[in-house]
């Protein structure tokens, strides 16, 4: 009796599974708030250089006085301000600004405003944000290793506590060194706090619930987290209070230790079959199931036999993949493309300033497009296949990014929020489809024997590429259209890279390295599933079924030949 069968007897769609989905939703919500916190605390409100004669004036009057300086108004220091018949005559000073007047958006006092990290010091916030992604890179690797050594539950809790400690310490940061170090600690949890819990839920969930239940839960909670995050900061009113809220949300995850059962399959890999059975019994009790002792004994014998069989086989290592020419090429293209898409996703999803509206409003609008992107992705994949969906999504998103960049090159259009959002919203929708589609597509391209390690390597490379995302966003303060044009080049390159990969939709996925080396052999760059003739549906059949059909066909041919040879002998005897 294997794990899936014993889990079915203990309950794979019962109360415990719905509790796990609820906790996964909480993790998705808190991880979204935590991820976007680095962006929200760095919002830069409208600001002008301080002058004594501006102290008692309204923001509208100040904006009118600085209007002649255009985009340079925020960092231009005034020497004299003279008013003649209602007309302002101002003279700029050659000295740099040391103090600013801020127009706080919805009353929220951001970190950049409190520490005066604007104008020449605006780069400081970007350094801290890039170290957040560096922490994400280190955390993905470190907690992945810890998850294999100390267990999934402990690793999930430790990852979230790193996020708690990092966010809490950041509230006391007063200089760049402290801020950068604390954001790096906070970044350790940026990815690990979510994907380890995802693995736990996946192992205990019935196959029929894995697609709809998990995708629905994640889509709803990611959207809810992105909607709540900006307005939670407005409610807090200050970046330090907001980060305290974010930290406390992660602290609650420590209580998971008393509710969530350790991964039974992980315990089996650690030769702790009894521990796995004990967890399964607790799940059965929680679900109100009665499982006979004989079933657990059969499961125990299955685990022992499987362990002996696996010990006799040589396991494929990740470096073995590099010895296979075609599979090596596929793996390198997957890693390279995932780096480009991840960098583009992190840039587009967080670049909410400079679009003519409050960044809080833009953040909410961007969050609304997340659920529709999942639905559209499903429709496109069922109609076009994996490869065509990736290519079309990347190509169209690159065109939208280019159109947005063209609009931003004109100062007159930069204040037209309707036109800018008309391109920014579809771009955000498109990059969500690109990221989720390629995440699934890439996992199907690598053989089962090295899939988890290969995908982990791709995520590490993607985290490394995302370190440059804050600097790409910062480029927009110097040249508004710069980020959009660079994203256009990145997405077009990624789209062309997908054409070099084989189609996986309706195909028997590779299991061994040999399967991966032969997978997609003979396909051209334009071999899309939607263009494939329907008369070759034999490719959809599992490999085992094809072998069985071939074997049965050979037996029938042999039987017919035997009968044909026996017929003349029978006639002769007659």
Protein backbone atom coordinates (compact mmCIF):
# COMPACT_ATOMS: atom_id res chain seq x y z
CA UNK A 1 0.00 0.00 0.00
CA UNK A 2 1.66 3.22 -1.17
CA UNK A 3 1.39 6.70 0.35
CA UNK A 4 -1.50 7.92 -1.85
CA UNK A 5 -3.64 4.91 -0.90
CA UNK A 6 -3.03 5.17 2.84
CA UNK A 7 -3.64 8.92 2.70
CA UNK A 8 -6.95 8.28 0.94
CA UNK A 9 -7.98 6.01 3.81
CA UNK A 10 -6.92 8.64 6.36
CA UNK A 11 -8.71 11.33 4.39
CA UNK A 12 -7.21 13.37 1.57
CA UNK A 13 -10.15 15.77 1.17
CA UNK A 14 -11.35 16.15 4.74
CA UNK A 15 -11.30 18.72 7.52
CA UNK A 16 -7.53 18.63 7.85
CA UNK A 17 -7.00 19.37 4.15
CA UNK A 18 -9.35 22.37 4.28
CA UNK A 19 -7.54 23.60 7.36
CA UNK A 20 -4.26 23.33 5.45
CA UNK A 21 -5.73 25.30 2.54
CA UNK A 22 -6.83 27.99 5.01
CA UNK A 23 -3.33 28.18 6.49
CA UNK A 24 -1.79 28.25 3.01
CA UNK A 25 -4.07 31.18 2.20
CA UNK A 26 -2.85 32.96 5.34
CA UNK A 27 0.77 32.36 4.31
CA UNK A 28 0.01 33.67 0.80
CA UNK A 29 -1.62 36.77 2.29
CA UNK A 30 1.21 37.53 4.75
CA UNK A 31 3.95 36.79 2.20
CA UNK A 32 2.32 39.25 -0.23
CA UNK A 33 2.14 41.97 2.43
CA UNK A 34 5.74 41.21 3.39
CA UNK A 35 6.98 41.21 -0.21
CA UNK A 36 5.38 44.52 -1.15
CA UNK A 37 6.33 46.18 2.14
CA UNK A 38 9.77 47.03 0.77
CA UNK A 39 8.09 48.94 -2.03
CA UNK A 40 5.44 50.69 0.05
CA UNK A 41 7.78 52.04 2.72
CA UNK A 42 9.85 53.59 -0.08
CA UNK A 43 7.04 55.55 -1.75
CA UNK A 44 8.27 59.05 -2.55
CA UNK A 45 5.57 61.72 -2.03
CA UNK A 46 5.52 64.92 -4.04
CA UNK A 47 8.17 67.23 -2.59
CA UNK A 48 9.91 70.57 -3.07
CA UNK A 49 13.04 72.18 -1.65
CA UNK A 50 12.34 74.10 1.54
CA UNK A 51 12.44 77.88 1.57
CA UNK A 52 11.47 80.22 4.42
CA UNK A 53 8.89 82.01 2.30
CA UNK A 54 7.18 78.70 1.45
CA UNK A 55 6.58 77.67 5.06
CA UNK A 56 3.01 78.97 5.36
CA UNK A 57 1.89 78.41 1.78
CA UNK A 58 -0.43 75.67 0.54
CA UNK A 59 0.84 72.80 -1.56
CA UNK A 60 -1.00 74.21 -4.58
CA UNK A 61 0.79 77.54 -4.23
CA UNK A 62 4.14 75.83 -3.83
CA UNK A 63 3.52 73.72 -6.94
CA UNK A 64 2.64 76.87 -8.89
CA UNK A 65 5.85 78.58 -7.76
CA UNK A 66 7.97 75.60 -8.83
CA UNK A 67 6.05 75.02 -12.08
CA UNK A 68 8.64 76.74 -14.33
CA UNK A 69 11.25 74.13 -13.35
CA UNK A 70 9.23 71.18 -14.67
CA UNK A 71 10.56 67.74 -13.70
CA UNK A 72 13.51 69.32 -11.86
CA UNK A 73 11.29 71.19 -9.41
CA UNK A 74 11.61 68.57 -6.64
CA UNK A 75 15.37 69.00 -6.34
CA UNK A 76 15.79 72.68 -7.23
CA UNK A 77 16.66 75.03 -4.38
CA UNK A 78 15.30 78.58 -4.63
CA UNK A 79 17.32 81.65 -3.83
CA UNK A 80 14.70 84.39 -4.10
CA UNK A 81 10.93 84.40 -4.40
CA UNK A 82 9.33 87.65 -5.56
CA UNK A 83 5.66 88.31 -6.27
CA UNK A 84 4.65 91.06 -8.68
CA UNK A 85 0.95 91.54 -9.46
CA UNK A 86 0.22 87.91 -8.66
CA UNK A 87 3.05 86.60 -10.80
CA UNK A 88 5.89 84.73 -9.13
CA UNK A 89 9.44 85.62 -10.08
CA UNK A 90 11.81 83.00 -8.67
CA UNK A 91 15.55 82.60 -8.85
CA UNK A 92 17.24 79.19 -8.51
CA UNK A 93 20.16 78.69 -6.16
CA UNK A 94 23.32 76.81 -7.05
CA UNK A 95 23.32 75.06 -3.67
CA UNK A 96 21.82 71.61 -3.16
CA UNK A 97 18.71 70.95 -1.09
CA UNK A 98 19.06 70.01 2.57
CA UNK A 99 15.42 70.16 3.62
CA UNK A 100 12.15 69.48 1.84
CA UNK A 101 8.45 70.17 2.01
CA UNK A 102 6.40 66.98 1.51
CA UNK A 103 2.85 66.52 0.31
CA UNK A 104 2.04 63.23 1.98
CA UNK A 105 -0.14 60.95 -0.13
CA UNK A 106 -3.16 59.93 1.99
CA UNK A 107 -1.19 61.15 5.01
CA UNK A 108 1.32 58.26 4.83
CA UNK A 109 4.83 59.20 5.99
CA UNK A 110 7.19 56.93 4.08
CA UNK A 111 10.75 56.01 4.98
CA UNK A 112 12.16 58.09 2.11
CA UNK A 113 10.35 61.18 3.40
CA UNK A 114 11.32 60.67 7.04
CA UNK A 115 14.99 60.02 6.29
CA UNK A 116 15.05 62.54 3.41
CA UNK A 117 16.20 59.88 0.95
CA UNK A 118 15.18 61.89 -2.10
CA UNK A 119 16.99 63.67 -4.93
CA UNK A 120 20.72 62.89 -4.61
CA UNK A 121 20.08 60.37 -1.80
CA UNK A 122 17.24 58.51 -3.52
CA UNK A 123 19.61 55.67 -4.42
CA UNK A 124 19.89 54.63 -0.75
CA UNK A 125 16.43 53.08 -0.68
CA UNK A 126 17.25 51.10 -3.84
CA UNK A 127 20.34 49.60 -2.21
CA UNK A 128 18.24 48.31 0.67
CA UNK A 129 15.66 46.90 -1.73
CA UNK A 130 18.32 45.13 -3.80
CA UNK A 131 19.71 43.55 -0.62
CA UNK A 132 16.18 42.34 0.11
CA UNK A 133 16.38 40.32 -3.11
CA UNK A 134 19.88 39.16 -2.16
CA UNK A 135 18.40 37.91 1.10
CA UNK A 136 15.71 36.14 -0.92
CA UNK A 137 18.43 34.40 -2.91
CA UNK A 138 20.22 33.25 0.24
CA UNK A 139 16.98 32.29 1.99
CA UNK A 140 15.72 30.19 -0.91
CA UNK A 141 18.92 28.14 -0.80
CA UNK A 142 19.35 28.02 2.99
CA UNK A 143 15.77 27.15 3.92
CA UNK A 144 15.56 24.65 1.07
CA UNK A 145 18.51 22.85 2.65
CA UNK A 146 17.04 23.22 6.14
CA UNK A 147 13.72 21.86 4.94
CA UNK A 148 15.49 18.64 3.95
CA UNK A 149 17.39 18.44 7.24
CA UNK A 150 15.05 19.61 10.03
CA UNK A 151 11.67 19.19 8.32
CA UNK A 152 9.22 21.31 6.37
CA UNK A 153 7.23 22.69 9.32
CA UNK A 154 10.25 23.95 11.25
CA UNK A 155 11.69 25.48 8.08
CA UNK A 156 8.42 27.33 7.34
CA UNK A 157 8.33 28.71 10.88
CA UNK A 158 12.00 29.76 10.85
CA UNK A 159 11.61 31.46 7.47
CA UNK A 160 8.68 33.53 8.70
CA UNK A 161 10.49 34.41 11.91
CA UNK A 162 13.35 35.78 9.80
CA UNK A 163 10.78 37.98 8.09
CA UNK A 164 9.45 39.04 11.50
CA UNK A 165 12.91 39.88 12.84
CA UNK A 166 13.96 41.70 9.66
CA UNK A 167 10.81 43.84 9.45
CA UNK A 168 10.85 44.60 13.19
CA UNK A 169 14.52 45.64 13.17
CA UNK A 170 13.97 47.80 10.08
CA UNK A 171 11.62 50.00 12.10
CA UNK A 172 14.67 51.11 14.13
CA UNK A 173 16.92 51.80 11.12
CA UNK A 174 18.27 55.34 10.92
CA UNK A 175 21.02 55.01 8.31
CA UNK A 176 21.83 53.13 5.11
CA UNK A 177 23.99 50.46 6.76
CA UNK A 178 21.31 49.47 9.27
CA UNK A 179 18.55 49.61 6.69
CA UNK A 180 20.44 47.43 4.20
CA UNK A 181 21.40 44.80 6.78
CA UNK A 182 17.87 44.55 8.20
CA UNK A 183 16.26 44.36 4.76
CA UNK A 184 18.61 41.53 3.84
CA UNK A 185 17.45 39.62 6.95
CA UNK A 186 13.83 40.31 6.02
CA UNK A 187 14.47 39.11 2.47
CA UNK A 188 15.51 35.68 3.73
CA UNK A 189 11.80 34.90 4.05
CA UNK A 190 10.68 36.42 0.74
CA UNK A 191 10.32 33.10 -1.11
CA UNK A 192 10.89 30.35 1.45
CA UNK A 193 7.98 31.46 3.66
CA UNK A 194 5.60 30.49 0.86
CA UNK A 195 6.94 27.61 -1.22
CA UNK A 196 7.73 25.30 1.75
CA UNK A 197 4.15 25.59 2.97
CA UNK A 198 2.97 24.98 -0.60
CA UNK A 199 4.91 21.69 -0.66
CA UNK A 200 3.38 20.64 2.67
CA UNK A 201 -0.16 21.26 1.47
CA UNK A 202 0.48 19.54 -1.86
CA UNK A 203 1.64 16.32 -0.16
CA UNK A 204 -1.50 15.93 1.97
CA UNK A 205 -4.07 17.00 -0.61
CA UNK A 206 -6.16 14.80 -2.92
CA UNK A 207 -5.22 15.07 -6.63
CA UNK A 208 -8.73 16.31 -7.46
CA UNK A 209 -8.24 19.32 -5.19
CA UNK A 210 -4.70 20.22 -6.22
CA UNK A 211 -5.55 22.32 -9.27
CA UNK A 212 -8.77 24.16 -8.47
CA UNK A 213 -8.48 24.39 -4.67
CA UNK A 214 -4.84 25.46 -4.52
CA UNK A 215 -4.95 27.84 -7.49
CA UNK A 216 -8.21 29.37 -6.24
CA UNK A 217 -6.88 29.81 -2.70
CA UNK A 218 -3.59 31.30 -3.84
CA UNK A 219 -5.18 33.58 -6.44
CA UNK A 220 -7.70 34.96 -3.94
CA UNK A 221 -5.21 35.47 -1.11
CA UNK A 222 -2.45 36.93 -3.30
CA UNK A 223 -4.98 39.40 -4.67
CA UNK A 224 -6.31 40.16 -1.17
CA UNK A 225 -2.77 40.69 0.16
CA UNK A 226 -1.90 43.07 -2.68
CA UNK A 227 -5.14 44.99 -2.10
CA UNK A 228 -4.73 45.23 1.67
CA UNK A 229 -1.00 46.08 1.76
CA UNK A 230 -1.20 49.71 0.49
CA UNK A 231 -4.27 50.61 2.50
CA UNK A 232 -2.88 48.99 5.64
CA UNK A 233 0.01 51.45 5.34
CA UNK A 234 -2.47 54.32 4.94
CA UNK A 235 -4.26 53.12 8.08
CA UNK A 236 -0.95 52.96 9.93
CA UNK A 237 0.03 56.42 8.72
CA UNK A 238 3.75 55.80 9.24
CA UNK A 239 6.16 53.34 7.65
CA UNK A 240 7.46 52.10 11.01
CA UNK A 241 3.97 51.22 12.26
CA UNK A 242 3.17 49.54 8.94
CA UNK A 243 6.29 47.34 9.12
CA UNK A 244 5.34 46.44 12.70
CA UNK A 245 1.98 45.18 11.40
CA UNK A 246 3.76 43.19 8.69
CA UNK A 247 6.12 41.69 11.26
CA UNK A 248 3.31 40.64 13.61
CA UNK A 249 1.47 38.88 10.78
CA UNK A 250 4.53 36.65 10.30
CA UNK A 251 4.97 36.08 14.02
CA UNK A 252 1.59 34.31 14.07
CA UNK A 253 3.03 31.55 11.85
CA UNK A 254 4.92 30.22 14.88
CA UNK A 255 1.56 28.80 16.06
CA UNK A 256 1.56 26.50 13.01
CA UNK A 257 3.86 24.19 15.00
CA UNK A 258 0.87 23.07 17.11
CA UNK A 259 -1.48 22.54 14.14
CA UNK A 260 0.41 21.48 11.01
CA UNK A 261 1.71 17.92 10.79
CA UNK A 262 5.22 17.29 9.53
CA UNK A 263 5.54 15.96 5.99
CA UNK A 264 5.04 12.19 6.12
CA UNK A 265 6.96 11.71 2.90
CA UNK A 266 9.91 13.68 4.30
CA UNK A 267 9.90 11.49 7.41
CA UNK A 268 10.00 8.42 5.19
CA UNK A 269 13.08 9.76 3.38
CA UNK A 270 14.70 10.13 6.82
CA UNK A 271 13.96 6.45 7.57
CA UNK A 272 11.36 7.48 10.16
CA UNK A 273 8.43 5.41 8.93
CA UNK A 274 6.92 5.21 12.41
CA UNK A 275 6.90 8.99 12.63
CA UNK A 276 5.10 9.16 9.28
CA UNK A 277 2.50 6.65 10.44
CA UNK A 278 1.97 8.63 13.67
CA UNK A 279 1.24 11.79 11.61
CA UNK A 280 -1.14 9.89 9.36
CA UNK A 281 -3.02 8.56 12.39
CA UNK A 282 -3.44 12.12 13.71
CA UNK A 283 -4.79 13.24 10.34
CA UNK A 284 -7.20 10.29 10.27
CA UNK A 285 -8.41 11.20 13.77
CA UNK A 286 -8.85 14.87 12.78
CA UNK A 287 -10.83 13.81 9.70
CA UNK A 288 -12.97 11.38 11.71
CA UNK A 289 -11.66 8.30 9.88
CA UNK A 290 -11.06 4.81 11.31
CA UNK A 291 -8.13 3.08 9.60
CA UNK A 292 -7.40 -0.61 10.40
CA UNK A 293 -3.97 -1.46 11.80
CA UNK A 294 -3.48 -3.89 8.91
CA UNK A 295 -3.47 -0.98 6.46
CA UNK A 296 -0.73 0.80 8.37
CA UNK A 297 1.26 -2.45 8.51
CA UNK A 298 0.93 -2.85 4.74
CA UNK A 299 2.11 0.74 4.31
CA UNK A 300 5.06 0.05 6.63
CA UNK A 301 6.10 -2.98 4.55
CA UNK A 302 5.74 -0.97 1.33
CA UNK A 303 8.06 1.75 2.66
CA UNK A 304 10.66 -0.81 3.73
CA UNK A 305 10.60 -2.57 0.35
CA UNK A 306 10.75 0.74 -1.54
CA UNK A 307 13.70 1.88 0.52
CA UNK A 308 15.65 -1.28 -0.28
CA UNK A 309 14.87 -0.94 -3.98
CA UNK A 310 15.96 2.71 -4.08
CA UNK A 311 19.21 1.96 -2.24
CA UNK A 312 20.17 -0.43 -5.05
CA UNK A 313 19.62 2.17 -7.78
CA UNK A 314 21.99 5.00 -8.63
CA UNK A 315 20.26 8.37 -8.36
CA UNK A 316 20.71 10.98 -11.06
CA UNK A 317 22.45 14.16 -9.94
CA UNK A 318 21.96 17.66 -11.26
CA UNK A 319 25.46 17.73 -12.75
CA UNK A 320 24.60 14.59 -14.74
CA UNK A 321 22.19 16.78 -16.68
CA UNK A 322 25.11 18.86 -17.97
CA UNK A 323 26.57 15.79 -19.72
CA UNK A 324 23.57 15.50 -22.07
CA UNK A 325 23.89 17.95 -25.02
CA UNK A 326 20.22 18.57 -25.87
CA UNK A 327 18.96 18.45 -22.28
CA UNK A 328 21.79 20.73 -21.17
CA UNK A 329 20.76 23.26 -23.82
CA UNK A 330 17.12 23.05 -22.68
CA UNK A 331 18.05 23.53 -19.03
CA UNK A 332 20.25 26.56 -19.74
CA UNK A 333 17.53 28.16 -21.88
CA UNK A 334 14.99 27.56 -19.08
CA UNK A 335 17.26 29.21 -16.49
CA UNK A 336 18.09 32.15 -18.76
CA UNK A 337 14.46 32.76 -19.74
CA UNK A 338 13.23 32.44 -16.15
CA UNK A 339 15.79 35.06 -15.07
CA UNK A 340 14.49 37.51 -17.69
CA UNK A 341 10.83 36.88 -16.81
CA UNK A 342 11.43 37.11 -13.06
CA UNK A 343 13.33 40.40 -13.42
CA UNK A 344 10.55 41.78 -15.61
CA UNK A 345 7.83 40.59 -13.23
CA UNK A 346 9.45 42.14 -10.14
CA UNK A 347 10.00 45.41 -11.99
CA UNK A 348 6.54 45.76 -13.52
CA UNK A 349 4.59 44.65 -10.43
CA UNK A 350 6.41 47.13 -8.16
CA UNK A 351 6.75 50.08 -10.53
CA UNK A 352 3.60 51.93 -9.46
CA UNK A 353 4.92 55.50 -9.29
CA UNK A 354 4.99 58.02 -12.10
CA UNK A 355 1.74 56.85 -13.70
CA UNK A 356 -0.28 59.99 -12.99
CA UNK A 357 -2.17 58.55 -10.00
CA UNK A 358 -1.47 57.88 -6.35
CA UNK A 359 0.76 54.78 -6.02
CA UNK A 360 -1.73 53.42 -3.49
CA UNK A 361 -4.48 53.48 -6.12
CA UNK A 362 -2.23 52.02 -8.81
CA UNK A 363 -1.19 49.24 -6.43
CA UNK A 364 -4.85 48.32 -5.91
CA UNK A 365 -5.59 48.40 -9.63
CA UNK A 366 -2.61 46.14 -10.31
CA UNK A 367 -3.89 43.68 -7.69
CA UNK A 368 -7.30 43.44 -9.37
CA UNK A 369 -5.82 41.99 -12.57
CA UNK A 370 -4.21 39.01 -10.78
CA UNK A 371 -7.30 36.70 -10.68
CA UNK A 372 -8.29 37.35 -14.34
CA UNK A 373 -4.72 36.55 -15.40
CA UNK A 374 -5.09 33.05 -13.95
CA UNK A 375 -8.35 32.44 -15.81
CA UNK A 376 -6.96 33.79 -19.08
CA UNK A 377 -3.86 31.66 -18.66
CA UNK A 378 -5.97 28.52 -18.31
CA UNK A 379 -8.00 29.31 -21.44
CA UNK A 380 -4.91 30.07 -23.53
CA UNK A 381 -3.06 26.96 -22.40
CA UNK A 382 -6.00 24.71 -23.24
CA UNK A 383 -6.35 26.28 -26.69
CA UNK A 384 -2.77 27.05 -27.70
CA UNK A 385 -0.59 24.82 -25.53
CA UNK A 386 2.31 25.76 -23.22
CA UNK A 387 4.86 26.97 -25.75
CA UNK A 388 2.50 29.12 -27.82
CA UNK A 389 0.94 30.65 -24.69
CA UNK A 390 4.37 31.63 -23.34
CA UNK A 391 5.45 33.11 -26.66
CA UNK A 392 2.23 35.05 -27.27
CA UNK A 393 2.11 36.37 -23.68
CA UNK A 394 5.75 37.47 -23.72
CA UNK A 395 5.53 39.03 -27.18
CA UNK A 396 2.30 40.95 -26.45
CA UNK A 397 3.57 42.12 -23.05
CA UNK A 398 6.75 43.41 -24.68
CA UNK A 399 4.68 45.42 -27.17
CA UNK A 400 2.59 46.89 -24.35
CA UNK A 401 5.73 47.82 -22.41
CA UNK A 402 7.13 49.49 -25.53
CA UNK A 403 3.89 51.45 -26.04
CA UNK A 404 4.00 52.59 -22.40
CA UNK A 405 7.61 53.68 -22.89
CA UNK A 406 6.70 55.72 -25.96
CA UNK A 407 3.98 57.51 -23.97
CA UNK A 408 6.37 58.29 -21.12
CA UNK A 409 8.83 59.98 -23.47
CA UNK A 410 6.43 62.92 -23.81
CA UNK A 411 6.11 65.18 -20.75
CA UNK A 412 2.60 66.20 -21.76
CA UNK A 413 1.46 62.57 -21.66
CA UNK A 414 3.11 61.80 -18.29
CA UNK A 415 0.22 63.54 -16.51
CA UNK A 416 -2.45 61.69 -18.51
CA UNK A 417 -3.26 58.94 -16.03
CA UNK A 418 -5.98 57.39 -18.20
CA UNK A 419 -3.67 56.85 -21.17
CA UNK A 420 -0.79 55.56 -19.04
CA UNK A 421 -3.02 53.09 -17.18
CA UNK A 422 -4.49 51.95 -20.50
CA UNK A 423 -1.05 50.44 -21.23
CA UNK A 424 0.20 49.78 -17.67
CA UNK A 425 -2.77 47.62 -16.60
CA UNK A 426 -2.59 45.19 -19.58
CA UNK A 427 1.18 45.06 -19.11
CA UNK A 428 0.66 43.99 -15.48
CA UNK A 429 -1.90 41.42 -16.62
CA UNK A 430 0.46 40.10 -19.28
CA UNK A 431 3.49 39.71 -17.02
CA UNK A 432 1.39 37.73 -14.52
CA UNK A 433 0.43 35.32 -17.30
CA UNK A 434 4.06 35.13 -18.45
CA UNK A 435 5.38 34.31 -14.98
CA UNK A 436 2.82 31.67 -14.00
CA UNK A 437 2.77 30.03 -17.44
CA UNK A 438 6.54 29.73 -17.71
CA UNK A 439 6.78 28.47 -14.11
CA UNK A 440 4.59 25.52 -15.08
CA UNK A 441 6.17 25.12 -18.52
CA UNK A 442 9.72 25.01 -17.14
CA UNK A 443 8.86 22.35 -14.56
CA UNK A 444 7.52 20.10 -17.32
CA UNK A 445 10.62 20.43 -19.49
CA UNK A 446 13.03 18.93 -16.95
CA UNK A 447 13.04 15.17 -16.23
CA UNK A 448 11.44 13.95 -13.01
CA UNK A 449 14.74 12.64 -11.63
CA UNK A 450 16.26 16.16 -11.49
CA UNK A 451 13.15 18.34 -11.67
CA UNK A 452 13.08 19.70 -8.12
CA UNK A 453 16.78 20.54 -8.09
CA UNK A 454 16.63 22.02 -11.58
CA UNK A 455 13.69 24.28 -10.72
CA UNK A 456 15.39 25.30 -7.46
CA UNK A 457 18.45 26.32 -9.48
CA UNK A 458 16.25 28.35 -11.85
CA UNK A 459 14.63 30.15 -8.90
CA UNK A 460 18.02 30.94 -7.40
CA UNK A 461 19.17 32.41 -10.71
CA UNK A 462 15.92 34.39 -10.96
CA UNK A 463 16.41 35.80 -7.46
CA UNK A 464 19.95 36.84 -8.43
CA UNK A 465 18.63 38.64 -11.53
CA UNK A 466 15.92 40.39 -9.47
CA UNK A 467 18.61 42.14 -7.41
CA UNK A 468 18.87 44.63 -10.28
CA UNK A 469 15.12 45.35 -10.27
CA UNK A 470 15.25 48.31 -7.81
CA UNK A 471 17.94 50.02 -9.90
CA UNK A 472 15.88 49.51 -13.05
CA UNK A 473 12.92 51.21 -11.33
CA UNK A 474 15.23 53.98 -10.09
CA UNK A 475 16.23 54.64 -13.70
CA UNK A 476 12.69 55.95 -14.20
CA UNK A 477 13.48 58.95 -11.98
CA UNK A 478 16.16 60.00 -14.48
CA UNK A 479 14.50 58.87 -17.72
CA UNK A 480 10.81 57.99 -17.33
CA UNK A 481 10.66 55.72 -20.39
CA UNK A 482 13.94 53.93 -19.64
CA UNK A 483 12.54 51.00 -17.60
CA UNK A 484 9.81 50.32 -20.18
CA UNK A 485 12.24 50.19 -23.09
CA UNK A 486 14.61 47.88 -21.22
CA UNK A 487 11.70 45.63 -20.26
CA UNK A 488 10.69 45.51 -23.92
CA UNK A 489 14.12 44.17 -24.84
CA UNK A 490 14.09 41.64 -21.97
CA UNK A 491 10.64 40.30 -22.82
CA UNK A 492 11.34 40.07 -26.55
CA UNK A 493 14.51 38.11 -25.79
CA UNK A 494 12.55 35.80 -23.50
CA UNK A 495 9.87 35.31 -26.18
CA UNK A 496 12.48 34.29 -28.76
CA UNK A 497 14.10 31.95 -26.23
CA UNK A 498 10.85 30.04 -25.74
CA UNK A 499 10.85 29.20 -29.45
CA UNK A 500 13.98 27.12 -28.84
CA UNK A 501 12.15 24.90 -26.34
CA UNK A 502 9.97 21.86 -27.15
CA UNK A 503 6.22 21.72 -26.57
CA UNK A 504 5.03 19.84 -23.45
CA UNK A 505 1.25 20.08 -23.78
CA UNK A 506 -0.34 16.68 -24.49
CA UNK A 507 3.08 15.01 -24.36
CA UNK A 508 4.46 12.23 -22.18
CA UNK A 509 6.78 14.16 -19.87
CA UNK A 510 10.39 12.95 -19.44
CA UNK A 511 11.24 10.87 -16.39
CA UNK A 512 14.87 9.86 -16.83
CA UNK A 513 17.81 11.78 -18.28
CA UNK A 514 17.54 9.62 -21.40
CA UNK A 515 13.90 10.65 -21.78
CA UNK A 516 14.87 14.29 -21.40
CA UNK A 517 17.61 13.98 -24.03
CA UNK A 518 15.16 12.55 -26.56
CA UNK A 519 12.23 14.80 -25.58
CA UNK A 520 11.14 17.11 -28.40
CA UNK A 521 13.67 15.75 -30.84
CA UNK A 522 12.80 16.72 -34.41
CA UNK A 523 10.55 19.64 -33.42
CA UNK A 524 11.06 23.00 -35.10
CA UNK A 525 10.95 26.46 -33.52
CA UNK A 526 7.33 26.85 -34.64
CA UNK A 527 6.12 23.44 -33.43
CA UNK A 528 3.09 24.64 -31.46
CA UNK A 529 0.50 22.26 -30.07
CA UNK A 530 -2.33 24.33 -31.58
CA UNK A 531 -0.85 23.85 -35.08
CA UNK A 532 -0.22 20.14 -34.72
CA UNK A 533 -2.39 17.80 -36.78
CA UNK A 534 -4.91 15.95 -34.67
CA UNK A 535 -4.13 12.60 -36.29
CA UNK A 536 -0.98 12.15 -34.21
CA UNK A 537 -2.78 12.01 -30.92
CA UNK A 538 -0.83 8.84 -30.19
CA UNK A 539 1.73 11.18 -28.61
CA UNK A 540 -0.77 11.91 -25.86
CA UNK A 541 -0.69 8.29 -24.66
CA UNK A 542 1.57 7.41 -21.72
CA UNK A 543 4.78 5.61 -22.60
CA UNK A 544 3.65 2.47 -20.78
CA UNK A 545 0.47 2.31 -22.86
CA UNK A 546 2.41 2.69 -26.10
CA UNK A 547 4.75 -0.13 -25.12
CA UNK A 548 1.79 -2.34 -24.22
CA UNK A 549 0.05 -1.64 -27.53
CA UNK A 550 3.26 -2.39 -29.40
CA UNK A 551 3.69 -5.62 -27.47
CA UNK A 552 0.08 -6.69 -28.13
CA UNK A 553 0.52 -5.85 -31.80
CA UNK A 554 3.65 -8.00 -31.99
CA UNK A 555 1.81 -10.88 -30.32
CA UNK A 556 -1.07 -10.62 -32.79
CA UNK A 557 1.34 -10.64 -35.73
CA UNK A 558 3.12 -13.69 -34.32
CA UNK A 559 -0.19 -15.43 -33.78
CA UNK A 560 -1.31 -14.72 -37.33
CA UNK A 561 1.98 -16.02 -38.76
CA UNK A 562 1.69 -19.20 -36.72
CA UNK A 563 -1.85 -19.77 -37.94
CA UNK A 564 -0.80 -19.13 -41.53
CA UNK A 565 2.02 -21.68 -41.26
CA UNK A 566 -0.26 -24.23 -39.66
CA UNK A 567 -2.96 -23.95 -42.32
CA UNK A 568 -1.06 -25.77 -45.16
CA UNK A 569 -0.09 -28.57 -42.79
CA UNK A 570 -3.71 -29.05 -41.86
CA UNK A 571 -4.72 -29.16 -45.54
CA UNK A 572 -2.01 -31.71 -46.27
CA UNK A 573 -3.17 -33.99 -43.49
CA UNK A 574 -6.70 -33.74 -44.73
